Amino acid sequence: MGDTDLAPAVRTYRVAARIARNAITSSGLPLGTRGGMLVSHHFPVDGEYVIKPKLWRNTVDVVRGTETPHDLEISLDGAQLTLHALRRA
């Protein structure tokens, strides 16, 4: 399906700076979600795609918000693809 002659592309989505990272959100995200973002993306052809979340790190290379344990979930069409436990190293 789709145009298989398309060149590979990279797309970056960023959380708006004005949104508090620990705010309770309800804009289409699962119940109990704190922070996070919901992205609507069109995948032009059937295939395998790479999703690479990049989390904000402070000056000593610690992921912000890992003072307490959190989980990072990546879902597609409501189905969980991966779940990563974020813990301070």
C-alpha atoms as a PDB file:
ATOM      1  CA  MET A   1       0.000   0.000   0.000  1.00  0.00           C
ATOM      2  CA  GLY A   2       1.195   3.531  -0.690  1.00  0.00           C
ATOM      3  CA  ASP A   3       4.089   4.889  -2.734  1.00  0.00           C
ATOM      4  CA  THR A   4       7.062   2.581  -2.127  1.00  0.00           C
ATOM      5  CA  ASP A   5       9.362   4.984  -4.031  1.00  0.00           C
ATOM      6  CA  LEU A   6       9.254   7.499  -1.172  1.00  0.00           C
ATOM      7  CA  ALA A   7      12.639   8.265   0.404  1.00  0.00           C
ATOM      8  CA  PRO A   8      13.093   7.559   4.136  1.00  0.00           C
ATOM      9  CA  ALA A   9      12.230  10.552   6.311  1.00  0.00           C
ATOM     10  CA  VAL A  10      12.626  11.658   9.929  1.00  0.00           C
ATOM     11  CA  ARG A  11       9.865  13.460  11.797  1.00  0.00           C
ATOM     12  CA  THR A  12      10.337  15.063  15.243  1.00  0.00           C
ATOM     13  CA  TYR A  13       7.506  15.839  17.666  1.00  0.00           C
ATOM     14  CA  ARG A  14       8.125  17.954  20.768  1.00  0.00           C
ATOM     15  CA  VAL A  15       6.084  18.471  23.916  1.00  0.00           C
ATOM     16  CA  ALA A  16       5.085  22.135  24.192  1.00  0.00           C
ATOM     17  CA  ALA A  17       7.285  23.923  26.750  1.00  0.00           C
ATOM     18  CA  ARG A  18       4.252  25.442  28.492  1.00  0.00           C
ATOM     19  CA  ILE A  19       2.859  22.024  29.473  1.00  0.00           C
ATOM     20  CA  ALA A  20       3.881  20.885  32.960  1.00  0.00           C
ATOM     21  CA  ARG A  21       5.576  17.492  32.709  1.00  0.00           C
ATOM     22  CA  ASN A  22       3.772  16.199  35.800  1.00  0.00           C
ATOM     23  CA  ALA A  23       0.373  17.626  34.916  1.00  0.00           C
ATOM     24  CA  ILE A  24      -2.498  15.194  34.659  1.00  0.00           C
ATOM     25  CA  THR A  25      -3.567  15.075  31.025  1.00  0.00           C
ATOM     26  CA  SER A  26      -6.710  13.720  29.456  1.00  0.00           C
ATOM     27  CA  SER A  27      -6.412  14.701  25.807  1.00  0.00           C
ATOM     28  CA  GLY A  28      -6.819  11.173  24.464  1.00  0.00           C
ATOM     29  CA  LEU A  29      -4.151   9.609  26.670  1.00  0.00           C
ATOM     30  CA  PRO A  30      -4.882   6.608  28.916  1.00  0.00           C
ATOM     31  CA  LEU A  31      -6.450   7.190  32.326  1.00  0.00           C
ATOM     32  CA  GLY A  32      -3.781   7.872  34.928  1.00  0.00           C
ATOM     33  CA  THR A  33      -1.320   9.367  32.447  1.00  0.00           C
ATOM     34  CA  ARG A  34       0.880  12.083  33.902  1.00  0.00           C
ATOM     35  CA  GLY A  35       2.620  14.246  31.346  1.00  0.00           C
ATOM     36  CA  GLY A  36       3.306  12.708  27.974  1.00  0.00           C
ATOM     37  CA  MET A  37       1.965  13.526  24.559  1.00  0.00           C
ATOM     38  CA  LEU A  38      -0.409  12.199  21.947  1.00  0.00           C
ATOM     39  CA  VAL A  39       0.734  12.356  18.315  1.00  0.00           C
ATOM     40  CA  SER A  40      -1.309  11.767  15.204  1.00  0.00           C
ATOM     41  CA  HIS A  41       1.019  10.662  12.398  1.00  0.00           C
ATOM     42  CA  HIS A  42       0.282   9.385   8.900  1.00  0.00           C
ATOM     43  CA  PHE A  43       2.443   6.413   7.916  1.00  0.00           C
ATOM     44  CA  PRO A  44       2.584   6.584   4.084  1.00  0.00           C
ATOM     45  CA  VAL A  45       3.267   2.887   3.423  1.00  0.00           C
ATOM     46  CA  ASP A  46       2.947  -0.419   5.256  1.00  0.00           C
ATOM     47  CA  GLY A  47       6.300  -1.373   6.728  1.00  0.00           C
ATOM     48  CA  GLU A  48       8.541  -1.262   9.772  1.00  0.00           C
ATOM     49  CA  TYR A  49       9.114   2.089  11.437  1.00  0.00           C
ATOM     50  CA  VAL A  50      11.608   3.139  14.120  1.00  0.00           C
ATOM     51  CA  ILE A  51      10.308   5.265  17.011  1.00  0.00           C
ATOM     52  CA  LYS A  52      13.021   6.819  19.184  1.00  0.00           C
ATOM     53  CA  PRO A  53      11.841   8.833  22.178  1.00  0.00           C
ATOM     54  CA  LYS A  54      14.450  11.272  23.442  1.00  0.00           C
ATOM     55  CA  LEU A  55      13.984  12.380  27.028  1.00  0.00           C
ATOM     56  CA  TRP A  56      15.257  15.649  28.467  1.00  0.00           C
ATOM     57  CA  ARG A  57      18.435  15.219  30.505  1.00  0.00           C
ATOM     58  CA  ASN A  58      19.959  17.616  32.991  1.00  0.00           C
ATOM     59  CA  THR A  59      23.589  18.779  33.100  1.00  0.00           C
ATOM     60  CA  VAL A  60      24.755  15.569  34.823  1.00  0.00           C
ATOM     61  CA  ASP A  61      23.057  13.373  32.170  1.00  0.00           C
ATOM     62  CA  VAL A  62      20.169  12.241  34.399  1.00  0.00           C
ATOM     63  CA  VAL A  63      16.732  11.976  32.786  1.00  0.00           C
ATOM     64  CA  ARG A  64      14.505  14.657  34.282  1.00  0.00           C
ATOM     65  CA  GLY A  65      11.685  13.201  36.363  1.00  0.00           C
ATOM     66  CA  THR A  66      13.422   9.973  37.344  1.00  0.00           C
ATOM     67  CA  GLU A  67      13.778  11.047  40.954  1.00  0.00           C
ATOM     68  CA  THR A  68      10.853   8.648  41.404  1.00  0.00           C
ATOM     69  CA  PRO A  69      10.191   5.601  39.171  1.00  0.00           C
ATOM     70  CA  HIS A  70       8.074   6.122  36.041  1.00  0.00           C
ATOM     71  CA  ASP A  71       7.108   4.055  33.015  1.00  0.00           C
ATOM     72  CA  LEU A  72       7.411   5.229  29.408  1.00  0.00           C
ATOM     73  CA  GLU A  73       4.817   3.614  27.158  1.00  0.00           C
ATOM     74  CA  ILE A  74       4.778   3.753  23.365  1.00  0.00           C
ATOM     75  CA  SER A  75       1.449   2.773  21.827  1.00  0.00           C
ATOM     76  CA  LEU A  76       0.051   2.610  18.301  1.00  0.00           C
ATOM     77  CA  ASP A  77      -3.707   2.762  17.699  1.00  0.00           C
ATOM     78  CA  GLY A  78      -4.267   2.141  21.413  1.00  0.00           C
ATOM     79  CA  ALA A  79      -2.123  -1.025  21.510  1.00  0.00           C
ATOM     80  CA  GLN A  80       1.019  -0.953  23.663  1.00  0.00           C
ATOM     81  CA  LEU A  81       4.178  -1.441  21.590  1.00  0.00           C
ATOM     82  CA  THR A  82       6.751  -1.043  24.384  1.00  0.00           C
ATOM     83  CA  LEU A  83       6.912  -0.194  28.056  1.00  0.00           C
ATOM     84  CA  HIS A  84      10.177   1.086  29.537  1.00  0.00           C
ATOM     85  CA  ALA A  85      10.801   1.430  33.266  1.00  0.00           C
ATOM     86  CA  LEU A  86      12.566   4.731  33.907  1.00  0.00           C
ATOM     87  CA  ARG A  87      14.713   4.617  37.013  1.00  0.00           C
ATOM     88  CA  ARG A  88      17.580   6.789  38.153  1.00  0.00           C
ATOM     89  CA  ALA A  89      20.862   5.033  37.418  1.00  0.00           C
END
